[in-house]
Amino acid sequence: MAGVARSMIANRSRITGLTRDVIAEFVTEIGPLWADEQYRRLAGRPRRRAVGAGARHKLVFVDRLLATLVHLRHGVTHDVLACWFGVDRSNITRAIGEIRPLLASAVAQWDRASACARSLT
């Protein structure tokens, strides 16, 4: 089900308000930051198993990003997004909480870069 939701959301710019190219840029810029943050969170405490052992995320990074974009654009409830992506509501809540600050920092960097470029012209 998540694959269907992912393709539906990514292929229609009305849903996110962004083109596929912009979403791809977000994935390449924010994805590594998210992965590093997850690793730091997991490695920052004593563990019985190695980092990466255990259950895999049911909601992969791209799905987390798309769920956050849809929530921010349309105010779709976490329950509806959970149904679309086939996960529990708590997973959506956690995903939005993780992605939102990373998304805000990426947008702020883009705004600063574009302001700098405008001042050069």
PDB file of N, CA and C in Angstrom:
ATOM      1  N   MET A   1       0.817  -1.202   0.000  1.00  0.00           N
ATOM      2  CA  MET A   1       0.000   0.000   0.000  1.00  0.00           C
ATOM      3  C   MET A   1       0.859   1.264   0.000  1.00  0.00           C
ATOM      4  N   ALA A   2       1.981   1.215   0.726  1.00  0.00           N
ATOM      5  CA  ALA A   2       2.830   2.406   0.801  1.00  0.00           C
ATOM      6  C   ALA A   2       3.394   2.767  -0.563  1.00  0.00           C
ATOM      7  N   GLY A   3       3.704   1.750  -1.381  1.00  0.00           N
ATOM      8  CA  GLY A   3       4.219   2.023  -2.719  1.00  0.00           C
ATOM      9  C   GLY A   3       3.197   2.734  -3.579  1.00  0.00           C
ATOM     10  N   VAL A   4       1.927   2.356  -3.431  1.00  0.00           N
ATOM     11  CA  VAL A   4       0.849   3.007  -4.177  1.00  0.00           C
ATOM     12  C   VAL A   4       0.707   4.450  -3.722  1.00  0.00           C
ATOM     13  N   ALA A   5       0.721   4.672  -2.414  1.00  0.00           N
ATOM     14  CA  ALA A   5       0.614   6.036  -1.881  1.00  0.00           C
ATOM     15  C   ALA A   5       1.803   6.875  -2.330  1.00  0.00           C
ATOM     16  N   ARG A   6       2.998   6.272  -2.300  1.00  0.00           N
ATOM     17  CA  ARG A   6       4.201   7.005  -2.701  1.00  0.00           C
ATOM     18  C   ARG A   6       4.109   7.455  -4.151  1.00  0.00           C
ATOM     19  N   SER A   7       3.730   6.552  -5.050  1.00  0.00           N
ATOM     20  CA  SER A   7       3.670   6.929  -6.465  1.00  0.00           C
ATOM     21  C   SER A   7       2.541   7.918  -6.727  1.00  0.00           C
ATOM     22  N   MET A   8       1.410   7.760  -6.043  1.00  0.00           N
ATOM     23  CA  MET A   8       0.298   8.683  -6.224  1.00  0.00           C
ATOM     24  C   MET A   8       0.693  10.103  -5.788  1.00  0.00           C
ATOM     25  N   ILE A   9       1.329  10.210  -4.647  1.00  0.00           N
ATOM     26  CA  ILE A   9       1.704  11.520  -4.111  1.00  0.00           C
ATOM     27  C   ILE A   9       2.822  12.147  -4.930  1.00  0.00           C
ATOM     28  N   ALA A  10       3.833  11.363  -5.269  1.00  0.00           N
ATOM     29  CA  ALA A  10       4.993  11.907  -5.983  1.00  0.00           C
ATOM     30  C   ALA A  10       4.656  12.309  -7.416  1.00  0.00           C
ATOM     31  N   ASN A  11       3.699  11.637  -8.027  1.00  0.00           N
ATOM     32  CA  ASN A  11       3.379  11.914  -9.434  1.00  0.00           C
ATOM     33  C   ASN A  11       2.396  13.063  -9.621  1.00  0.00           C
ATOM     34  N   ARG A  12       1.796  13.523  -8.585  1.00  0.00           N
ATOM     35  CA  ARG A  12       0.813  14.604  -8.708  1.00  0.00           C
ATOM     36  C   ARG A  12       1.260  15.800  -7.877  1.00  0.00           C
ATOM     37  N   SER A  13       1.690  16.852  -8.545  1.00  0.00           N
ATOM     38  CA  SER A  13       2.209  18.013  -7.827  1.00  0.00           C
ATOM     39  C   SER A  13       1.117  18.749  -7.055  1.00  0.00           C
ATOM     40  N   ARG A  14      -0.144  18.494  -7.385  1.00  0.00           N
ATOM     41  CA  ARG A  14      -1.225  19.135  -6.619  1.00  0.00           C
ATOM     42  C   ARG A  14      -1.226  18.682  -5.169  1.00  0.00           C
ATOM     43  N   ILE A  15      -0.785  17.469  -4.941  1.00  0.00           N
ATOM     44  CA  ILE A  15      -0.848  16.914  -3.590  1.00  0.00           C
ATOM     45  C   ILE A  15       0.208  17.537  -2.689  1.00  0.00           C
ATOM     46  N   THR A  16       1.442  17.663  -3.184  1.00  0.00           N
ATOM     47  CA  THR A  16       2.508  18.237  -2.362  1.00  0.00           C
ATOM     48  C   THR A  16       2.786  19.696  -2.691  1.00  0.00           C
ATOM     49  N   GLY A  17       2.387  20.134  -3.878  1.00  0.00           N
ATOM     50  CA  GLY A  17       2.705  21.483  -4.309  1.00  0.00           C
ATOM     51  C   GLY A  17       4.113  21.594  -4.867  1.00  0.00           C
ATOM     52  N   LEU A  18       4.785  20.451  -5.021  1.00  0.00           N
ATOM     53  CA  LEU A  18       6.166  20.432  -5.492  1.00  0.00           C
ATOM     54  C   LEU A  18       6.295  19.496  -6.681  1.00  0.00           C
ATOM     55  N   THR A  19       7.240  19.795  -7.554  1.00  0.00           N
ATOM     56  CA  THR A  19       7.502  18.899  -8.677  1.00  0.00           C
ATOM     57  C   THR A  19       8.335  17.715  -8.197  1.00  0.00           C
ATOM     58  N   ARG A  20       8.416  16.696  -9.035  1.00  0.00           N
ATOM     59  CA  ARG A  20       9.228  15.518  -8.699  1.00  0.00           C
ATOM     60  C   ARG A  20      10.689  15.909  -8.515  1.00  0.00           C
ATOM     61  N   ASP A  21      11.160  16.893  -9.300  1.00  0.00           N
ATOM     62  CA  ASP A  21      12.561  17.315  -9.196  1.00  0.00           C
ATOM     63  C   ASP A  21      12.858  17.946  -7.840  1.00  0.00           C
ATOM     64  N   VAL A  22      11.941  18.753  -7.350  1.00  0.00           N
ATOM     65  CA  VAL A  22      12.140  19.386  -6.041  1.00  0.00           C
ATOM     66  C   VAL A  22      12.102  18.331  -4.945  1.00  0.00           C
ATOM     67  N   ILE A  23      11.190  17.379  -5.068  1.00  0.00           N
ATOM     68  CA  ILE A  23      11.124  16.294  -4.081  1.00  0.00           C
ATOM     69  C   ILE A  23      12.426  15.498  -4.111  1.00  0.00           C
ATOM     70  N   ALA A  24      12.960  15.249  -5.303  1.00  0.00           N
ATOM     71  CA  ALA A  24      14.228  14.529  -5.426  1.00  0.00           C
ATOM     72  C   ALA A  24      15.366  15.311  -4.769  1.00  0.00           C
ATOM     73  N   GLU A  25      15.351  16.639  -4.910  1.00  0.00           N
ATOM     74  CA  GLU A  25      16.366  17.464  -4.243  1.00  0.00           C
ATOM     75  C   GLU A  25      16.259  17.353  -2.736  1.00  0.00           C
ATOM     76  N   PHE A  26      15.021  17.380  -2.225  1.00  0.00           N
ATOM     77  CA  PHE A  26      14.823  17.209  -0.784  1.00  0.00           C
ATOM     78  C   PHE A  26      15.362  15.857  -0.327  1.00  0.00           C
ATOM     79  N   VAL A  27      15.095  14.818  -1.099  1.00  0.00           N
ATOM     80  CA  VAL A  27      15.556  13.476  -0.727  1.00  0.00           C
ATOM     81  C   VAL A  27      17.079  13.435  -0.673  1.00  0.00           C
ATOM     82  N   THR A  28      17.753  14.018  -1.660  1.00  0.00           N
ATOM     83  CA  THR A  28      19.214  13.970  -1.678  1.00  0.00           C
ATOM     84  C   THR A  28      19.843  14.863  -0.606  1.00  0.00           C
ATOM     85  N   GLU A  29      19.178  15.948  -0.246  1.00  0.00           N
ATOM     86  CA  GLU A  29      19.750  16.838   0.767  1.00  0.00           C
ATOM     87  C   GLU A  29      19.389  16.421   2.184  1.00  0.00           C
ATOM     88  N   ILE A  30      18.146  16.046   2.400  1.00  0.00           N
ATOM     89  CA  ILE A  30      17.682  15.760   3.753  1.00  0.00           C
ATOM     90  C   ILE A  30      17.919  14.302   4.139  1.00  0.00           C
ATOM     91  N   GLY A  31      17.896  13.398   3.171  1.00  0.00           N
ATOM     92  CA  GLY A  31      18.054  11.973   3.468  1.00  0.00           C
ATOM     93  C   GLY A  31      19.291  11.643   4.276  1.00  0.00           C
ATOM     94  N   PRO A  32      20.479  12.083   3.845  1.00  0.00           N
ATOM     95  CA  PRO A  32      21.678  11.796   4.639  1.00  0.00           C
ATOM     96  C   PRO A  32      21.642  12.432   6.036  1.00  0.00           C
ATOM     97  N   LEU A  33      21.066  13.611   6.141  1.00  0.00           N
ATOM     98  CA  LEU A  33      20.954  14.249   7.463  1.00  0.00           C
ATOM     99  C   LEU A  33      20.078  13.416   8.388  1.00  0.00           C
ATOM    100  N   TRP A  34      18.965  12.919   7.844  1.00  0.00           N
ATOM    101  CA  TRP A  34      18.058  12.092   8.635  1.00  0.00           C
ATOM    102  C   TRP A  34      18.752  10.799   9.062  1.00  0.00           C
ATOM    103  N   ALA A  35      19.477  10.167   8.135  1.00  0.00           N
ATOM    104  CA  ALA A  35      20.172   8.917   8.451  1.00  0.00           C
ATOM    105  C   ALA A  35      21.229   9.140   9.533  1.00  0.00           C
ATOM    106  N   ASP A  36      21.981  10.242   9.434  1.00  0.00           N
ATOM    107  CA  ASP A  36      22.984  10.556  10.453  1.00  0.00           C
ATOM    108  C   ASP A  36      22.337  10.787  11.809  1.00  0.00           C
ATOM    109  N   GLU A  37      21.234  11.500  11.808  1.00  0.00           N
ATOM    110  CA  GLU A  37      20.528  11.775  13.065  1.00  0.00           C
ATOM    111  C   GLU A  37      20.023  10.480  13.700  1.00  0.00           C
ATOM    112  N   GLN A  38      19.500   9.577  12.874  1.00  0.00           N
ATOM    113  CA  GLN A  38      19.021   8.292  13.397  1.00  0.00           C
ATOM    114  C   GLN A  38      20.173   7.482  13.972  1.00  0.00           C
ATOM    115  N   TYR A  39      21.306   7.482  13.284  1.00  0.00           N
ATOM    116  CA  TYR A  39      22.463   6.739  13.771  1.00  0.00           C
ATOM    117  C   TYR A  39      22.961   7.310  15.095  1.00  0.00           C
ATOM    118  N   ARG A  40      23.047   8.639  15.186  1.00  0.00           N
ATOM    119  CA  ARG A  40      23.483   9.278  16.437  1.00  0.00           C
ATOM    120  C   ARG A  40      22.531   8.950  17.578  1.00  0.00           C
ATOM    121  N   ARG A  41      21.235   8.960  17.279  1.00  0.00           N
ATOM    122  CA  ARG A  41      20.253   8.654  18.315  1.00  0.00           C
ATOM    123  C   ARG A  41      20.414   7.220  18.809  1.00  0.00           C
ATOM    124  N   LEU A  42      20.648   6.303  17.884  1.00  0.00           N
ATOM    125  CA  LEU A  42      20.768   4.899  18.262  1.00  0.00           C
ATOM    126  C   LEU A  42      22.117   4.571  18.889  1.00  0.00           C
ATOM    127  N   ALA A  43      23.183   5.214  18.403  1.00  0.00           N
ATOM    128  CA  ALA A  43      24.524   4.916  18.903  1.00  0.00           C
ATOM    129  C   ALA A  43      24.843   5.667  20.191  1.00  0.00           C
ATOM    130  N   GLY A  44      24.019   6.609  20.568  1.00  0.00           N
ATOM    131  CA  GLY A  44      24.303   7.449  21.718  1.00  0.00           C
ATOM    132  C   GLY A  44      23.954   6.851  23.064  1.00  0.00           C
ATOM    133  N   ARG A  45      23.614   5.580  23.098  1.00  0.00           N
ATOM    134  CA  ARG A  45      23.262   4.947  24.365  1.00  0.00           C
ATOM    135  C   ARG A  45      23.809   3.524  24.374  1.00  0.00           C
ATOM    136  N   PRO A  46      23.974   2.951  25.555  1.00  0.00           N
ATOM    137  CA  PRO A  46      24.466   1.567  25.618  1.00  0.00           C
ATOM    138  C   PRO A  46      23.477   0.614  24.943  1.00  0.00           C
ATOM    139  N   ARG A  47      24.021  -0.353  24.199  1.00  0.00           N
ATOM    140  CA  ARG A  47      23.168  -1.263  23.437  1.00  0.00           C
ATOM    141  C   ARG A  47      23.597  -2.699  23.654  1.00  0.00           C
ATOM    142  N   ARG A  48      22.625  -3.588  23.551  1.00  0.00           N
ATOM    143  CA  ARG A  48      22.928  -5.025  23.586  1.00  0.00           C
ATOM    144  C   ARG A  48      23.213  -5.548  22.185  1.00  0.00           C
ATOM    145  N   ARG A  49      22.583  -4.921  21.188  1.00  0.00           N
ATOM    146  CA  ARG A  49      22.779  -5.321  19.792  1.00  0.00           C
ATOM    147  C   ARG A  49      23.421  -4.174  19.040  1.00  0.00           C
ATOM    148  N   ALA A  50      24.003  -4.477  17.907  1.00  0.00           N
ATOM    149  CA  ALA A  50      24.664  -3.459  17.083  1.00  0.00           C
ATOM    150  C   ALA A  50      23.622  -2.526  16.480  1.00  0.00           C
ATOM    151  N   VAL A  51      24.046  -1.302  16.186  1.00  0.00           N
ATOM    152  CA  VAL A  51      23.173  -0.355  15.509  1.00  0.00           C
ATOM    153  C   VAL A  51      22.796  -0.946  14.162  1.00  0.00           C
ATOM    154  N   GLY A  52      21.514  -0.916  13.848  1.00  0.00           N
ATOM    155  CA  GLY A  52      21.043  -1.483  12.590  1.00  0.00           C
ATOM    156  C   GLY A  52      20.443  -2.861  12.748  1.00  0.00           C
ATOM    157  N   ALA A  53      20.707  -3.512  13.872  1.00  0.00           N
ATOM    158  CA  ALA A  53      20.082  -4.805  14.131  1.00  0.00           C
ATOM    159  C   ALA A  53      18.640  -4.561  14.558  1.00  0.00           C
ATOM    160  N   GLY A  54      17.804  -5.509  14.335  1.00  0.00           N
ATOM    161  CA  GLY A  54      16.412  -5.370  14.744  1.00  0.00           C
ATOM    162  C   GLY A  54      15.510  -5.067  13.563  1.00  0.00           C
ATOM    163  N   ALA A  55      14.309  -4.692  13.888  1.00  0.00           N
ATOM    164  CA  ALA A  55      13.286  -4.475  12.861  1.00  0.00           C
ATOM    165  C   ALA A  55      13.619  -3.267  11.990  1.00  0.00           C
ATOM    166  N   ARG A  56      13.286  -3.371  10.738  1.00  0.00           N
ATOM    167  CA  ARG A  56      13.477  -2.272   9.795  1.00  0.00           C
ATOM    168  C   ARG A  56      12.292  -1.313   9.875  1.00  0.00           C
ATOM    169  N   HIS A  57      12.516  -0.080   9.424  1.00  0.00           N
ATOM    170  CA  HIS A  57      11.435   0.891   9.390  1.00  0.00           C
ATOM    171  C   HIS A  57      10.382   0.442   8.394  1.00  0.00           C
ATOM    172  N   LYS A  58       9.124   0.495   8.782  1.00  0.00           N
ATOM    173  CA  LYS A  58       8.049   0.218   7.835  1.00  0.00           C
ATOM    174  C   LYS A  58       7.813   1.429   6.940  1.00  0.00           C
ATOM    175  N   LEU A  59       8.161   2.583   7.447  1.00  0.00           N
ATOM    176  CA  LEU A  59       7.975   3.832   6.718  1.00  0.00           C
ATOM    177  C   LEU A  59       9.365   4.336   6.334  1.00  0.00           C
ATOM    178  N   VAL A  60       9.772   4.108   5.085  1.00  0.00           N
ATOM    179  CA  VAL A  60      11.109   4.506   4.632  1.00  0.00           C
ATOM    180  C   VAL A  60      11.185   6.029   4.538  1.00  0.00           C
ATOM    181  N   PHE A  61      12.403   6.528   4.354  1.00  0.00           N
ATOM    182  CA  PHE A  61      12.601   7.973   4.386  1.00  0.00           C
ATOM    183  C   PHE A  61      11.729   8.721   3.380  1.00  0.00           C
ATOM    184  N   VAL A  62      11.649   8.232   2.154  1.00  0.00           N
ATOM    185  CA  VAL A  62      10.864   8.926   1.122  1.00  0.00           C
ATOM    186  C   VAL A  62       9.401   9.019   1.548  1.00  0.00           C
ATOM    187  N   ASP A  63       8.870   7.946   2.124  1.00  0.00           N
ATOM    188  CA  ASP A  63       7.487   7.967   2.603  1.00  0.00           C
ATOM    189  C   ASP A  63       7.316   8.964   3.751  1.00  0.00           C
ATOM    190  N   ARG A  64       8.306   9.039   4.619  1.00  0.00           N
ATOM    191  CA  ARG A  64       8.260  10.000   5.725  1.00  0.00           C
ATOM    192  C   ARG A  64       8.229  11.436   5.193  1.00  0.00           C
ATOM    193  N   LEU A  65       9.063  11.689   4.191  1.00  0.00           N
ATOM    194  CA  LEU A  65       9.106  13.016   3.588  1.00  0.00           C
ATOM    195  C   LEU A  65       7.779  13.355   2.920  1.00  0.00           C
ATOM    196  N   LEU A  66       7.247  12.433   2.130  1.00  0.00           N
ATOM    197  CA  LEU A  66       5.984  12.682   1.425  1.00  0.00           C
ATOM    198  C   LEU A  66       4.836  12.874   2.408  1.00  0.00           C
ATOM    199  N   ALA A  67       4.793  12.069   3.460  1.00  0.00           N
ATOM    200  CA  ALA A  67       3.737  12.219   4.464  1.00  0.00           C
ATOM    201  C   ALA A  67       3.817  13.601   5.119  1.00  0.00           C
ATOM    202  N   THR A  68       5.032  14.056   5.397  1.00  0.00           N
ATOM    203  CA  THR A  68       5.219  15.376   6.001  1.00  0.00           C
ATOM    204  C   THR A  68       4.785  16.482   5.047  1.00  0.00           C
ATOM    205  N   LEU A  69       5.158  16.369   3.775  1.00  0.00           N
ATOM    206  CA  LEU A  69       4.776  17.387   2.793  1.00  0.00           C
ATOM    207  C   LEU A  69       3.258  17.468   2.624  1.00  0.00           C
ATOM    208  N   VAL A  70       2.600  16.314   2.565  1.00  0.00           N
ATOM    209  CA  VAL A  70       1.139  16.305   2.424  1.00  0.00           C
ATOM    210  C   VAL A  70       0.488  16.893   3.669  1.00  0.00           C
ATOM    211  N   HIS A  71       1.007  16.536   4.832  1.00  0.00           N
ATOM    212  CA  HIS A  71       0.451  17.075   6.079  1.00  0.00           C
ATOM    213  C   HIS A  71       0.609  18.592   6.133  1.00  0.00           C
ATOM    214  N   LEU A  72       1.769  19.099   5.750  1.00  0.00           N
ATOM    215  CA  LEU A  72       2.002  20.539   5.806  1.00  0.00           C
ATOM    216  C   LEU A  72       1.164  21.295   4.774  1.00  0.00           C
ATOM    217  N   ARG A  73       0.975  20.720   3.599  1.00  0.00           N
ATOM    218  CA  ARG A  73       0.231  21.421   2.546  1.00  0.00           C
ATOM    219  C   ARG A  73      -1.269  21.401   2.784  1.00  0.00           C
ATOM    220  N   HIS A  74      -1.806  20.252   3.176  1.00  0.00           N
ATOM    221  CA  HIS A  74      -3.262  20.109   3.258  1.00  0.00           C
ATOM    222  C   HIS A  74      -3.797  19.933   4.675  1.00  0.00           C
ATOM    223  N   GLY A  75      -2.928  19.755   5.645  1.00  0.00           N
ATOM    224  CA  GLY A  75      -3.399  19.539   7.005  1.00  0.00           C
ATOM    225  C   GLY A  75      -4.089  18.194   7.178  1.00  0.00           C
ATOM    226  N   VAL A  76      -3.709  17.224   6.354  1.00  0.00           N
ATOM    227  CA  VAL A  76      -4.300  15.882   6.450  1.00  0.00           C
ATOM    228  C   VAL A  76      -3.944  15.305   7.815  1.00  0.00           C
ATOM    229  N   THR A  77      -4.908  14.674   8.446  1.00  0.00           N
ATOM    230  CA  THR A  77      -4.666  14.129   9.784  1.00  0.00           C
ATOM    231  C   THR A  77      -3.692  12.963   9.721  1.00  0.00           C
ATOM    232  N   HIS A  78      -3.077  12.691  10.839  1.00  0.00           N
ATOM    233  CA  HIS A  78      -2.127  11.597  10.931  1.00  0.00           C
ATOM    234  C   HIS A  78      -2.828  10.262  10.711  1.00  0.00           C
ATOM    235  N   ASP A  79      -4.087  10.157  11.131  1.00  0.00           N
ATOM    236  CA  ASP A  79      -4.838   8.914  10.932  1.00  0.00           C
ATOM    237  C   ASP A  79      -5.024   8.607   9.451  1.00  0.00           C
ATOM    238  N   VAL A  80      -5.359   9.616   8.659  1.00  0.00           N
ATOM    239  CA  VAL A  80      -5.555   9.413   7.218  1.00  0.00           C
ATOM    240  C   VAL A  80      -4.233   9.037   6.561  1.00  0.00           C
ATOM    241  N   LEU A  81      -3.163   9.727   6.912  1.00  0.00           N
ATOM    242  CA  LEU A  81      -1.855   9.395   6.348  1.00  0.00           C
ATOM    243  C   LEU A  81      -1.447   7.978   6.732  1.00  0.00           C
ATOM    244  N   ALA A  82      -1.752   7.576   7.948  1.00  0.00           N
ATOM    245  CA  ALA A  82      -1.436   6.215   8.383  1.00  0.00           C
ATOM    246  C   ALA A  82      -2.164   5.185   7.523  1.00  0.00           C
ATOM    247  N   CYS A  83      -3.407   5.461   7.181  1.00  0.00           N
ATOM    248  CA  CYS A  83      -4.153   4.556   6.297  1.00  0.00           C
ATOM    249  C   CYS A  83      -3.525   4.512   4.912  1.00  0.00           C
ATOM    250  N   TRP A  84      -3.141   5.659   4.388  1.00  0.00           N
ATOM    251  CA  TRP A  84      -2.530   5.711   3.053  1.00  0.00           C
ATOM    252  C   TRP A  84      -1.239   4.906   2.994  1.00  0.00           C
ATOM    253  N   PHE A  85      -0.416   5.038   4.032  1.00  0.00           N
ATOM    254  CA  PHE A  85       0.894   4.405   4.022  1.00  0.00           C
ATOM    255  C   PHE A  85       0.915   3.034   4.692  1.00  0.00           C
ATOM    256  N   GLY A  86      -0.192   2.609   5.254  1.00  0.00           N
ATOM    257  CA  GLY A  86      -0.284   1.276   5.831  1.00  0.00           C
ATOM    258  C   GLY A  86       0.520   1.086   7.099  1.00  0.00           C
ATOM    259  N   VAL A  87       0.577   2.120   7.928  1.00  0.00           N
ATOM    260  CA  VAL A  87       1.291   2.041   9.200  1.00  0.00           C
ATOM    261  C   VAL A  87       0.386   2.582  10.306  1.00  0.00           C
ATOM    262  N   ASP A  88       0.861   2.506  11.530  1.00  0.00           N
ATOM    263  CA  ASP A  88       0.108   3.037  12.656  1.00  0.00           C
ATOM    264  C   ASP A  88       0.255   4.562  12.714  1.00  0.00           C
ATOM    265  N   ARG A  89      -0.730   5.219  13.299  1.00  0.00           N
ATOM    266  CA  ARG A  89      -0.720   6.674  13.415  1.00  0.00           C
ATOM    267  C   ARG A  89       0.521   7.174  14.147  1.00  0.00           C
ATOM    268  N   SER A  90       0.971   6.429  15.146  1.00  0.00           N
ATOM    269  CA  SER A  90       2.149   6.866  15.906  1.00  0.00           C
ATOM    270  C   SER A  90       3.394   6.936  15.025  1.00  0.00           C
ATOM    271  N   ASN A  91       3.490   6.058  14.023  1.00  0.00           N
ATOM    272  CA  ASN A  91       4.621   6.121  13.093  1.00  0.00           C
ATOM    273  C   ASN A  91       4.590   7.403  12.278  1.00  0.00           C
ATOM    274  N   ILE A  92       3.410   7.821  11.857  1.00  0.00           N
ATOM    275  CA  ILE A  92       3.275   9.065  11.092  1.00  0.00           C
ATOM    276  C   ILE A  92       3.626  10.255  11.975  1.00  0.00           C
ATOM    277  N   THR A  93       3.134  10.245  13.203  1.00  0.00           N
ATOM    278  CA  THR A  93       3.420  11.341  14.134  1.00  0.00           C
ATOM    279  C   THR A  93       4.921  11.465  14.359  1.00  0.00           C
ATOM    280  N   ARG A  94       5.585  10.348  14.575  1.00  0.00           N
ATOM    281  CA  ARG A  94       7.032  10.343  14.786  1.00  0.00           C
ATOM    282  C   ARG A  94       7.758  10.800  13.524  1.00  0.00           C
ATOM    283  N   ALA A  95       7.316  10.333  12.371  1.00  0.00           N
ATOM    284  CA  ALA A  95       7.960  10.698  11.104  1.00  0.00           C
ATOM    285  C   ALA A  95       7.875  12.188  10.849  1.00  0.00           C
ATOM    286  N   ILE A  96       6.704  12.757  11.053  1.00  0.00           N
ATOM    287  CA  ILE A  96       6.535  14.201  10.834  1.00  0.00           C
ATOM    288  C   ILE A  96       7.396  14.985  11.819  1.00  0.00           C
ATOM    289  N   GLY A  97       7.463  14.518  13.050  1.00  0.00           N
ATOM    290  CA  GLY A  97       8.306  15.173  14.047  1.00  0.00           C
ATOM    291  C   GLY A  97       9.785  15.128  13.712  1.00  0.00           C
ATOM    292  N   GLU A  98      10.212  14.055  13.041  1.00  0.00           N
ATOM    293  CA  GLU A  98      11.619  13.931  12.648  1.00  0.00           C
ATOM    294  C   GLU A  98      11.943  14.745  11.396  1.00  0.00           C
ATOM    295  N   ILE A  99      11.041  14.749  10.430  1.00  0.00           N
ATOM    296  CA  ILE A  99      11.327  15.353   9.127  1.00  0.00           C
ATOM    297  C   ILE A  99      11.117  16.861   9.136  1.00  0.00           C
ATOM    298  N   ARG A 100      10.158  17.333   9.877  1.00  0.00           N
ATOM    299  CA  ARG A 100       9.802  18.761   9.838  1.00  0.00           C
ATOM    300  C   ARG A 100      10.974  19.696  10.131  1.00  0.00           C
ATOM    301  N   PRO A 101      11.764  19.470  11.194  1.00  0.00           N
ATOM    302  CA  PRO A 101      12.895  20.376  11.440  1.00  0.00           C
ATOM    303  C   PRO A 101      13.962  20.299  10.343  1.00  0.00           C
ATOM    304  N   LEU A 102      14.189  19.101   9.800  1.00  0.00           N
ATOM    305  CA  LEU A 102      15.166  18.969   8.713  1.00  0.00           C
ATOM    306  C   LEU A 102      14.692  19.699   7.467  1.00  0.00           C
ATOM    307  N   LEU A 103      13.408  19.612   7.193  1.00  0.00           N
ATOM    308  CA  LEU A 103      12.816  20.298   6.048  1.00  0.00           C
ATOM    309  C   LEU A 103      12.917  21.811   6.221  1.00  0.00           C
ATOM    310  N   ALA A 104      12.658  22.287   7.425  1.00  0.00           N
ATOM    311  CA  ALA A 104      12.739  23.723   7.701  1.00  0.00           C
ATOM    312  C   ALA A 104      14.166  24.242   7.517  1.00  0.00           C
ATOM    313  N   SER A 105      15.142  23.476   7.977  1.00  0.00           N
ATOM    314  CA  SER A 105      16.531  23.937   7.827  1.00  0.00           C
ATOM    315  C   SER A 105      16.957  23.923   6.367  1.00  0.00           C
ATOM    316  N   ALA A 106      16.504  22.938   5.593  1.00  0.00           N
ATOM    317  CA  ALA A 106      16.845  22.893   4.163  1.00  0.00           C
ATOM    318  C   ALA A 106      16.223  24.067   3.420  1.00  0.00           C
ATOM    319  N   VAL A 107      14.981  24.385   3.724  1.00  0.00           N
ATOM    320  CA  VAL A 107      14.306  25.511   3.071  1.00  0.00           C
ATOM    321  C   VAL A 107      14.993  26.826   3.454  1.00  0.00           C
ATOM    322  N   ALA A 108      15.388  26.949   4.715  1.00  0.00           N
ATOM    323  CA  ALA A 108      16.076  28.165   5.153  1.00  0.00           C
ATOM    324  C   ALA A 108      17.406  28.328   4.420  1.00  0.00           C
ATOM    325  N   GLN A 109      18.133  27.229   4.219  1.00  0.00           N
ATOM    326  CA  GLN A 109      19.399  27.299   3.483  1.00  0.00           C
ATOM    327  C   GLN A 109      19.161  27.709   2.039  1.00  0.00           C
ATOM    328  N   TRP A 110      18.110  27.167   1.429  1.00  0.00           N
ATOM    329  CA  TRP A 110      17.790  27.530   0.048  1.00  0.00           C
ATOM    330  C   TRP A 110      17.405  29.001  -0.044  1.00  0.00           C
ATOM    331  N   ASP A 111      16.653  29.493   0.942  1.00  0.00           N
ATOM    332  CA  ASP A 111      16.270  30.901   0.941  1.00  0.00           C
ATOM    333  C   ASP A 111      17.489  31.805   1.061  1.00  0.00           C
ATOM    334  N   ARG A 112      18.425  31.438   1.938  1.00  0.00           N
ATOM    335  CA  ARG A 112      19.646  32.239   2.083  1.00  0.00           C
ATOM    336  C   ARG A 112      20.469  32.221   0.800  1.00  0.00           C
ATOM    337  N   ALA A 113      20.553  31.065   0.161  1.00  0.00           N
ATOM    338  CA  ALA A 113      21.325  30.952  -1.082  1.00  0.00           C
ATOM    339  C   ALA A 113      20.691  31.769  -2.195  1.00  0.00           C
ATOM    340  N   SER A 114      19.366  31.727  -2.298  1.00  0.00           N
ATOM    341  CA  SER A 114      18.712  32.489  -3.350  1.00  0.00           C
ATOM    342  C   SER A 114      18.784  33.987  -3.078  1.00  0.00           C
ATOM    343  N   ALA A 115      18.738  34.395  -1.808  1.00  0.00           N
ATOM    344  CA  ALA A 115      18.871  35.814  -1.460  1.00  0.00           C
ATOM    345  C   ALA A 115      20.273  36.291  -1.804  1.00  0.00           C
ATOM    346  N   CYS A 116      21.261  35.447  -1.569  1.00  0.00           N
ATOM    347  CA  CYS A 116      22.646  35.808  -1.896  1.00  0.00           C
ATOM    348  C   CYS A 116      22.798  35.926  -3.407  1.00  0.00           C
ATOM    349  N   ALA A 117      22.213  35.012  -4.143  1.00  0.00           N
ATOM    350  CA  ALA A 117      22.303  35.060  -5.604  1.00  0.00           C
ATOM    351  C   ALA A 117      21.596  36.287  -6.153  1.00  0.00           C
ATOM    352  N   ARG A 118      20.462  36.662  -5.553  1.00  0.00           N
ATOM    353  CA  ARG A 118      19.736  37.861  -6.006  1.00  0.00           C
ATOM    354  C   ARG A 118      20.550  39.108  -5.730  1.00  0.00           C
ATOM    355  N   SER A 119      21.287  39.122  -4.626  1.00  0.00           N
ATOM    356  CA  SER A 119      22.058  40.328  -4.297  1.00  0.00           C
ATOM    357  C   SER A 119      23.262  40.487  -5.235  1.00  0.00           C
ATOM    358  N   LEU A 120      23.701  39.389  -5.858  1.00  0.00           N
ATOM    359  CA  LEU A 120      24.829  39.479  -6.792  1.00  0.00           C
ATOM    360  C   LEU A 120      24.413  40.012  -8.152  1.00  0.00           C
ATOM    361  N   THR A 121      23.134  39.941  -8.474  1.00  0.00           N
ATOM    362  CA  THR A 121      22.686  40.401  -9.797  1.00  0.00           C
ATOM    363  C   THR A 121      22.234  41.842  -9.765  1.00  0.00           C
TER     364      THR A 121
END
